[in-house]
Amino acid sequence: NSPPEYLKMVDAKYVEKYGYSLWRAMEKELSGYAEKAAVFTFGMKIKPAETVAKLLESTMAGIGTDELGLSAAVVRYQRLLPE
């Protein structure tokens, strides 16, 4: 379990060496559920509020709202939501 500051340093070094971020590397190298899980986990460490916002948006995208997913996300990540 790496602290966010360490992951940010690793990401910066990765960009310096390869020219793109760890996020981009995960998107290029992984697919399907593995990609979603890796990107979400990395996002929760580096930018938790933005990651939760994307999750909430994804539950409301399209024709219908995923009510169970939206409710679960709000309950689970309520500590990150503004009061």
PDB file of N, CA and C in Angstrom:
ATOM      1  N   ASN A   1       0.841  -1.177   0.000  1.00  0.00           N
ATOM      2  CA  ASN A   1       0.000   0.000   0.000  1.00  0.00           C
ATOM      3  C   ASN A   1       0.889   1.243   0.000  1.00  0.00           C
ATOM      4  N   SER A   2       1.016   1.858  -1.138  1.00  0.00           N
ATOM      5  CA  SER A   2       1.908   3.006  -1.296  1.00  0.00           C
ATOM      6  C   SER A   2       1.180   4.311  -1.006  1.00  0.00           C
ATOM      7  N   PRO A   3       1.857   5.241  -0.314  1.00  0.00           N
ATOM      8  CA  PRO A   3       1.243   6.551  -0.068  1.00  0.00           C
ATOM      9  C   PRO A   3       1.116   7.341  -1.375  1.00  0.00           C
ATOM     10  N   PRO A   4       0.116   8.224  -1.465  1.00  0.00           N
ATOM     11  CA  PRO A   4      -0.104   9.004  -2.692  1.00  0.00           C
ATOM     12  C   PRO A   4       1.125   9.798  -3.144  1.00  0.00           C
ATOM     13  N   GLU A   5       1.865  10.340  -2.200  1.00  0.00           N
ATOM     14  CA  GLU A   5       3.041  11.142  -2.561  1.00  0.00           C
ATOM     15  C   GLU A   5       4.067  10.290  -3.311  1.00  0.00           C
ATOM     16  N   TYR A   6       4.252   9.055  -2.855  1.00  0.00           N
ATOM     17  CA  TYR A   6       5.191   8.146  -3.507  1.00  0.00           C
ATOM     18  C   TYR A   6       4.724   7.811  -4.925  1.00  0.00           C
ATOM     19  N   LEU A   7       3.436   7.517  -5.066  1.00  0.00           N
ATOM     20  CA  LEU A   7       2.905   7.194  -6.391  1.00  0.00           C
ATOM     21  C   LEU A   7       3.018   8.373  -7.352  1.00  0.00           C
ATOM     22  N   LYS A   8       2.848   9.585  -6.835  1.00  0.00           N
ATOM     23  CA  LYS A   8       3.016  10.770  -7.681  1.00  0.00           C
ATOM     24  C   LYS A   8       4.465  10.898  -8.148  1.00  0.00           C
ATOM     25  N   MET A   9       5.404  10.600  -7.260  1.00  0.00           N
ATOM     26  CA  MET A   9       6.820  10.646  -7.634  1.00  0.00           C
ATOM     27  C   MET A   9       7.129   9.572  -8.683  1.00  0.00           C
ATOM     28  N   VAL A  10       6.604   8.367  -8.485  1.00  0.00           N
ATOM     29  CA  VAL A  10       6.819   7.286  -9.450  1.00  0.00           C
ATOM     30  C   VAL A  10       6.221   7.659 -10.797  1.00  0.00           C
ATOM     31  N   ASP A  11       5.020   8.244 -10.792  1.00  0.00           N
ATOM     32  CA  ASP A  11       4.370   8.668 -12.026  1.00  0.00           C
ATOM     33  C   ASP A  11       5.213   9.728 -12.745  1.00  0.00           C
ATOM     34  N   ALA A  12       5.743  10.686 -11.996  1.00  0.00           N
ATOM     35  CA  ALA A  12       6.578  11.733 -12.599  1.00  0.00           C
ATOM     36  C   ALA A  12       7.832  11.131 -13.237  1.00  0.00           C
ATOM     37  N   LYS A  13       8.462  10.186 -12.557  1.00  0.00           N
ATOM     38  CA  LYS A  13       9.651   9.524 -13.112  1.00  0.00           C
ATOM     39  C   LYS A  13       9.290   8.695 -14.345  1.00  0.00           C
ATOM     40  N   TYR A  14       8.111   8.071 -14.311  1.00  0.00           N
ATOM     41  CA  TYR A  14       7.651   7.280 -15.453  1.00  0.00           C
ATOM     42  C   TYR A  14       7.457   8.173 -16.671  1.00  0.00           C
ATOM     43  N   VAL A  15       6.836   9.333 -16.451  1.00  0.00           N
ATOM     44  CA  VAL A  15       6.643  10.293 -17.547  1.00  0.00           C
ATOM     45  C   VAL A  15       7.995  10.741 -18.083  1.00  0.00           C
ATOM     46  N   GLU A  16       8.920  11.013 -17.185  1.00  0.00           N
ATOM     47  CA  GLU A  16      10.263  11.450 -17.575  1.00  0.00           C
ATOM     48  C   GLU A  16      10.960  10.400 -18.444  1.00  0.00           C
ATOM     49  N   LYS A  17      10.787   9.140 -18.084  1.00  0.00           N
ATOM     50  CA  LYS A  17      11.480   8.063 -18.786  1.00  0.00           C
ATOM     51  C   LYS A  17      10.770   7.623 -20.069  1.00  0.00           C
ATOM     52  N   TYR A  18       9.422   7.513 -20.019  1.00  0.00           N
ATOM     53  CA  TYR A  18       8.691   6.934 -21.150  1.00  0.00           C
ATOM     54  C   TYR A  18       7.860   7.937 -21.947  1.00  0.00           C
ATOM     55  N   GLY A  19       7.642   9.135 -21.409  1.00  0.00           N
ATOM     56  CA  GLY A  19       6.920  10.153 -22.160  1.00  0.00           C
ATOM     57  C   GLY A  19       5.414  10.147 -21.969  1.00  0.00           C
ATOM     58  N   TYR A  20       4.898   9.234 -21.161  1.00  0.00           N
ATOM     59  CA  TYR A  20       3.469   9.231 -20.843  1.00  0.00           C
ATOM     60  C   TYR A  20       3.274   8.691 -19.432  1.00  0.00           C
ATOM     61  N   SER A  21       2.109   8.975 -18.868  1.00  0.00           N
ATOM     62  CA  SER A  21       1.863   8.677 -17.456  1.00  0.00           C
ATOM     63  C   SER A  21       1.543   7.205 -17.219  1.00  0.00           C
ATOM     64  N   LEU A  22       1.549   6.829 -15.947  1.00  0.00           N
ATOM     65  CA  LEU A  22       1.151   5.475 -15.566  1.00  0.00           C
ATOM     66  C   LEU A  22      -0.294   5.200 -15.960  1.00  0.00           C
ATOM     67  N   TRP A  23      -1.142   6.231 -15.883  1.00  0.00           N
ATOM     68  CA  TRP A  23      -2.536   6.084 -16.294  1.00  0.00           C
ATOM     69  C   TRP A  23      -2.586   5.623 -17.750  1.00  0.00           C
ATOM     70  N   ARG A  24      -1.848   6.325 -18.586  1.00  0.00           N
ATOM     71  CA  ARG A  24      -1.827   6.004 -20.015  1.00  0.00           C
ATOM     72  C   ARG A  24      -1.244   4.612 -20.232  1.00  0.00           C
ATOM     73  N   ALA A  25      -0.221   4.261 -19.468  1.00  0.00           N
ATOM     74  CA  ALA A  25       0.390   2.938 -19.595  1.00  0.00           C
ATOM     75  C   ALA A  25      -0.614   1.842 -19.240  1.00  0.00           C
ATOM     76  N   MET A  26      -1.392   2.057 -18.184  1.00  0.00           N
ATOM     77  CA  MET A  26      -2.404   1.067 -17.797  1.00  0.00           C
ATOM     78  C   MET A  26      -3.471   0.944 -18.876  1.00  0.00           C
ATOM     79  N   GLU A  27      -3.864   2.067 -19.458  1.00  0.00           N
ATOM     80  CA  GLU A  27      -4.874   2.047 -20.520  1.00  0.00           C
ATOM     81  C   GLU A  27      -4.351   1.327 -21.765  1.00  0.00           C
ATOM     82  N   LYS A  28      -3.055   1.477 -22.047  1.00  0.00           N
ATOM     83  CA  LYS A  28      -2.471   0.841 -23.225  1.00  0.00           C
ATOM     84  C   LYS A  28      -2.249  -0.662 -23.020  1.00  0.00           C
ATOM     85  N   GLU A  29      -1.797  -1.032 -21.832  1.00  0.00           N
ATOM     86  CA  GLU A  29      -1.369  -2.411 -21.589  1.00  0.00           C
ATOM     87  C   GLU A  29      -2.467  -3.334 -21.081  1.00  0.00           C
ATOM     88  N   LEU A  30      -3.486  -2.779 -20.456  1.00  0.00           N
ATOM     89  CA  LEU A  30      -4.546  -3.598 -19.879  1.00  0.00           C
ATOM     90  C   LEU A  30      -5.837  -3.409 -20.655  1.00  0.00           C
ATOM     91  N   SER A  31      -6.793  -4.280 -20.405  1.00  0.00           N
ATOM     92  CA  SER A  31      -8.098  -4.125 -21.036  1.00  0.00           C
ATOM     93  C   SER A  31      -9.165  -4.728 -20.133  1.00  0.00           C
ATOM     94  N   GLY A  32     -10.393  -4.385 -20.414  1.00  0.00           N
ATOM     95  CA  GLY A  32     -11.523  -4.955 -19.687  1.00  0.00           C
ATOM     96  C   GLY A  32     -11.545  -4.579 -18.211  1.00  0.00           C
ATOM     97  N   TYR A  33     -11.939  -5.548 -17.412  1.00  0.00           N
ATOM     98  CA  TYR A  33     -12.065  -5.313 -15.967  1.00  0.00           C
ATOM     99  C   TYR A  33     -10.723  -5.022 -15.307  1.00  0.00           C
ATOM    100  N   ALA A  34      -9.652  -5.636 -15.817  1.00  0.00           N
ATOM    101  CA  ALA A  34      -8.325  -5.389 -15.248  1.00  0.00           C
ATOM    102  C   ALA A  34      -7.942  -3.923 -15.420  1.00  0.00           C
ATOM    103  N   GLU A  35      -8.221  -3.374 -16.604  1.00  0.00           N
ATOM    104  CA  GLU A  35      -7.924  -1.955 -16.845  1.00  0.00           C
ATOM    105  C   GLU A  35      -8.765  -1.075 -15.930  1.00  0.00           C
ATOM    106  N   LYS A  36     -10.068  -1.343 -15.872  1.00  0.00           N
ATOM    107  CA  LYS A  36     -10.950  -0.538 -15.023  1.00  0.00           C
ATOM    108  C   LYS A  36     -10.507  -0.570 -13.572  1.00  0.00           C
ATOM    109  N   ALA A  37     -10.174  -1.762 -13.076  1.00  0.00           N
ATOM    110  CA  ALA A  37      -9.762  -1.906 -11.676  1.00  0.00           C
ATOM    111  C   ALA A  37      -8.449  -1.183 -11.397  1.00  0.00           C
ATOM    112  N   ALA A  38      -7.482  -1.333 -12.289  1.00  0.00           N
ATOM    113  CA  ALA A  38      -6.175  -0.695 -12.086  1.00  0.00           C
ATOM    114  C   ALA A  38      -6.284   0.822 -12.139  1.00  0.00           C
ATOM    115  N   VAL A  39      -7.001   1.332 -13.142  1.00  0.00           N
ATOM    116  CA  VAL A  39      -7.152   2.784 -13.283  1.00  0.00           C
ATOM    117  C   VAL A  39      -7.932   3.356 -12.098  1.00  0.00           C
ATOM    118  N   PHE A  40      -8.984   2.668 -11.661  1.00  0.00           N
ATOM    119  CA  PHE A  40      -9.773   3.148 -10.521  1.00  0.00           C
ATOM    120  C   PHE A  40      -8.938   3.156  -9.245  1.00  0.00           C
ATOM    121  N   THR A  41      -8.201   2.076  -8.993  1.00  0.00           N
ATOM    122  CA  THR A  41      -7.373   1.994  -7.780  1.00  0.00           C
ATOM    123  C   THR A  41      -6.296   3.072  -7.778  1.00  0.00           C
ATOM    124  N   PHE A  42      -5.637   3.251  -8.905  1.00  0.00           N
ATOM    125  CA  PHE A  42      -4.615   4.298  -9.016  1.00  0.00           C
ATOM    126  C   PHE A  42      -5.244   5.677  -8.825  1.00  0.00           C
ATOM    127  N   GLY A  43      -6.403   5.887  -9.432  1.00  0.00           N
ATOM    128  CA  GLY A  43      -7.109   7.159  -9.284  1.00  0.00           C
ATOM    129  C   GLY A  43      -7.521   7.448  -7.853  1.00  0.00           C
ATOM    130  N   MET A  44      -7.956   6.416  -7.135  1.00  0.00           N
ATOM    131  CA  MET A  44      -8.358   6.618  -5.737  1.00  0.00           C
ATOM    132  C   MET A  44      -7.173   7.009  -4.864  1.00  0.00           C
ATOM    133  N   LYS A  45      -5.985   6.618  -5.261  1.00  0.00           N
ATOM    134  CA  LYS A  45      -4.785   7.007  -4.516  1.00  0.00           C
ATOM    135  C   LYS A  45      -4.326   8.420  -4.873  1.00  0.00           C
ATOM    136  N   ILE A  46      -4.349   8.752  -6.167  1.00  0.00           N
ATOM    137  CA  ILE A  46      -3.793  10.015  -6.645  1.00  0.00           C
ATOM    138  C   ILE A  46      -4.820  11.146  -6.608  1.00  0.00           C
ATOM    139  N   LYS A  47      -6.011  10.898  -7.131  1.00  0.00           N
ATOM    140  CA  LYS A  47      -7.058  11.926  -7.219  1.00  0.00           C
ATOM    141  C   LYS A  47      -8.403  11.322  -6.811  1.00  0.00           C
ATOM    142  N   PRO A  48      -8.615  11.107  -5.512  1.00  0.00           N
ATOM    143  CA  PRO A  48      -9.832  10.411  -5.082  1.00  0.00           C
ATOM    144  C   PRO A  48     -11.131  11.140  -5.419  1.00  0.00           C
ATOM    145  N   ALA A  49     -11.177  12.444  -5.260  1.00  0.00           N
ATOM    146  CA  ALA A  49     -12.414  13.182  -5.522  1.00  0.00           C
ATOM    147  C   ALA A  49     -12.800  13.099  -7.000  1.00  0.00           C
ATOM    148  N   GLU A  50     -11.837  13.273  -7.889  1.00  0.00           N
ATOM    149  CA  GLU A  50     -12.105  13.188  -9.327  1.00  0.00           C
ATOM    150  C   GLU A  50     -12.520  11.772  -9.726  1.00  0.00           C
ATOM    151  N   THR A  51     -11.899  10.782  -9.120  1.00  0.00           N
ATOM    152  CA  THR A  51     -12.218   9.390  -9.431  1.00  0.00           C
ATOM    153  C   THR A  51     -13.641   9.052  -9.009  1.00  0.00           C
ATOM    154  N   VAL A  52     -14.041   9.500  -7.823  1.00  0.00           N
ATOM    155  CA  VAL A  52     -15.404   9.260  -7.363  1.00  0.00           C
ATOM    156  C   VAL A  52     -16.396  10.021  -8.238  1.00  0.00           C
ATOM    157  N   ALA A  53     -16.048  11.228  -8.646  1.00  0.00           N
ATOM    158  CA  ALA A  53     -16.932  12.004  -9.525  1.00  0.00           C
ATOM    159  C   ALA A  53     -17.162  11.266 -10.843  1.00  0.00           C
ATOM    160  N   LYS A  54     -16.105  10.681 -11.415  1.00  0.00           N
ATOM    161  CA  LYS A  54     -16.250   9.910 -12.649  1.00  0.00           C
ATOM    162  C   LYS A  54     -17.128   8.677 -12.421  1.00  0.00           C
ATOM    163  N   LEU A  55     -16.959   8.041 -11.266  1.00  0.00           N
ATOM    164  CA  LEU A  55     -17.788   6.881 -10.936  1.00  0.00           C
ATOM    165  C   LEU A  55     -19.253   7.276 -10.844  1.00  0.00           C
ATOM    166  N   LEU A  56     -19.531   8.384 -10.158  1.00  0.00           N
ATOM    167  CA  LEU A  56     -20.913   8.853 -10.038  1.00  0.00           C
ATOM    168  C   LEU A  56     -21.484   9.195 -11.410  1.00  0.00           C
ATOM    169  N   GLU A  57     -20.702   9.852 -12.243  1.00  0.00           N
ATOM    170  CA  GLU A  57     -21.163  10.185 -13.598  1.00  0.00           C
ATOM    171  C   GLU A  57     -21.465   8.929 -14.402  1.00  0.00           C
ATOM    172  N   SER A  58     -20.622   7.915 -14.251  1.00  0.00           N
ATOM    173  CA  SER A  58     -20.836   6.686 -15.025  1.00  0.00           C
ATOM    174  C   SER A  58     -22.117   5.966 -14.605  1.00  0.00           C
ATOM    175  N   THR A  59     -22.519   6.097 -13.348  1.00  0.00           N
ATOM    176  CA  THR A  59     -23.762   5.451 -12.919  1.00  0.00           C
ATOM    177  C   THR A  59     -24.989   6.186 -13.442  1.00  0.00           C
ATOM    178  N   MET A  60     -24.807   7.437 -13.852  1.00  0.00           N
ATOM    179  CA  MET A  60     -25.928   8.232 -14.352  1.00  0.00           C
ATOM    180  C   MET A  60     -25.886   8.417 -15.872  1.00  0.00           C
ATOM    181  N   ALA A  61     -24.925   7.805 -16.541  1.00  0.00           N
ATOM    182  CA  ALA A  61     -24.782   7.959 -17.985  1.00  0.00           C
ATOM    183  C   ALA A  61     -25.785   7.092 -18.727  1.00  0.00           C
ATOM    184  N   GLY A  62     -26.126   7.519 -19.904  1.00  0.00           N
ATOM    185  CA  GLY A  62     -27.000   6.722 -20.751  1.00  0.00           C
ATOM    186  C   GLY A  62     -28.474   6.984 -20.488  1.00  0.00           C
ATOM    187  N   ILE A  63     -29.279   6.071 -20.970  1.00  0.00           N
ATOM    188  CA  ILE A  63     -30.727   6.237 -20.889  1.00  0.00           C
ATOM    189  C   ILE A  63     -31.231   6.128 -19.455  1.00  0.00           C
ATOM    190  N   GLY A  64     -30.792   5.126 -18.721  1.00  0.00           N
ATOM    191  CA  GLY A  64     -31.272   4.938 -17.359  1.00  0.00           C
ATOM    192  C   GLY A  64     -30.170   5.118 -16.338  1.00  0.00           C
ATOM    193  N   THR A  65     -30.569   5.437 -15.130  1.00  0.00           N
ATOM    194  CA  THR A  65     -29.609   5.570 -14.037  1.00  0.00           C
ATOM    195  C   THR A  65     -29.452   4.226 -13.347  1.00  0.00           C
ATOM    196  N   ASP A  66     -28.221   3.855 -13.068  1.00  0.00           N
ATOM    197  CA  ASP A  66     -27.947   2.655 -12.285  1.00  0.00           C
ATOM    198  C   ASP A  66     -28.160   3.033 -10.821  1.00  0.00           C
ATOM    199  N   GLU A  67     -29.396   2.889 -10.353  1.00  0.00           N
ATOM    200  CA  GLU A  67     -29.753   3.352  -9.006  1.00  0.00           C
ATOM    201  C   GLU A  67     -28.982   2.616  -7.918  1.00  0.00           C
ATOM    202  N   LEU A  68     -28.801   1.323  -8.079  1.00  0.00           N
ATOM    203  CA  LEU A  68     -28.053   0.555  -7.083  1.00  0.00           C
ATOM    204  C   LEU A  68     -26.590   1.012  -7.048  1.00  0.00           C
ATOM    205  N   GLY A  69     -25.989   1.167  -8.227  1.00  0.00           N
ATOM    206  CA  GLY A  69     -24.600   1.619  -8.299  1.00  0.00           C
ATOM    207  C   GLY A  69     -24.422   3.019  -7.742  1.00  0.00           C
ATOM    208  N   LEU A  70     -25.357   3.910  -8.055  1.00  0.00           N
ATOM    209  CA  LEU A  70     -25.295   5.280  -7.554  1.00  0.00           C
ATOM    210  C   LEU A  70     -25.434   5.305  -6.036  1.00  0.00           C
ATOM    211  N   SER A  71     -26.407   4.584  -5.508  1.00  0.00           N
ATOM    212  CA  SER A  71     -26.615   4.543  -4.056  1.00  0.00           C
ATOM    213  C   SER A  71     -25.400   3.955  -3.345  1.00  0.00           C
ATOM    214  N   ALA A  72     -24.871   2.868  -3.888  1.00  0.00           N
ATOM    215  CA  ALA A  72     -23.698   2.228  -3.281  1.00  0.00           C
ATOM    216  C   ALA A  72     -22.494   3.166  -3.283  1.00  0.00           C
ATOM    217  N   ALA A  73     -22.291   3.877  -4.394  1.00  0.00           N
ATOM    218  CA  ALA A  73     -21.152   4.794  -4.489  1.00  0.00           C
ATOM    219  C   ALA A  73     -21.296   5.961  -3.515  1.00  0.00           C
ATOM    220  N   VAL A  74     -22.500   6.512  -3.402  1.00  0.00           N
ATOM    221  CA  VAL A  74     -22.718   7.637  -2.488  1.00  0.00           C
ATOM    222  C   VAL A  74     -22.475   7.199  -1.048  1.00  0.00           C
ATOM    223  N   VAL A  75     -22.989   6.034  -0.670  1.00  0.00           N
ATOM    224  CA  VAL A  75     -22.795   5.547   0.704  1.00  0.00           C
ATOM    225  C   VAL A  75     -21.326   5.238   0.956  1.00  0.00           C
ATOM    226  N   ARG A  76     -20.699   4.547   0.027  1.00  0.00           N
ATOM    227  CA  ARG A  76     -19.317   4.132   0.233  1.00  0.00           C
ATOM    228  C   ARG A  76     -18.334   5.308   0.272  1.00  0.00           C
ATOM    229  N   TYR A  77     -18.545   6.301  -0.591  1.00  0.00           N
ATOM    230  CA  TYR A  77     -17.570   7.384  -0.721  1.00  0.00           C
ATOM    231  C   TYR A  77     -18.098   8.715  -0.157  1.00  0.00           C
ATOM    232  N   GLN A  78     -19.038   8.669   0.760  1.00  0.00           N
ATOM    233  CA  GLN A  78     -19.599   9.892   1.308  1.00  0.00           C
ATOM    234  C   GLN A  78     -18.563  10.760   2.014  1.00  0.00           C
ATOM    235  N   ARG A  79     -17.507  10.172   2.536  1.00  0.00           N
ATOM    236  CA  ARG A  79     -16.467  10.964   3.209  1.00  0.00           C
ATOM    237  C   ARG A  79     -15.744  11.904   2.250  1.00  0.00           C
ATOM    238  N   LEU A  80     -15.776  11.584   0.954  1.00  0.00           N
ATOM    239  CA  LEU A  80     -15.124  12.418  -0.042  1.00  0.00           C
ATOM    240  C   LEU A  80     -16.015  13.494  -0.614  1.00  0.00           C
ATOM    241  N   LEU A  81     -17.319  13.373  -0.388  1.00  0.00           N
ATOM    242  CA  LEU A  81     -18.270  14.337  -0.930  1.00  0.00           C
ATOM    243  C   LEU A  81     -18.324  15.598  -0.067  1.00  0.00           C
ATOM    244  N   PRO A  82     -18.489  16.757  -0.683  1.00  0.00           N
ATOM    245  CA  PRO A  82     -18.584  17.981   0.120  1.00  0.00           C
ATOM    246  C   PRO A  82     -19.867  17.982   0.942  1.00  0.00           C
ATOM    247  N   GLU A  83     -19.806  18.657   2.062  1.00  0.00           N
ATOM    248  CA  GLU A  83     -20.980  18.684   2.948  1.00  0.00           C
ATOM    249  C   GLU A  83     -21.984  19.713   2.530  1.00  0.00           C
TER     250      GLU A  83
END
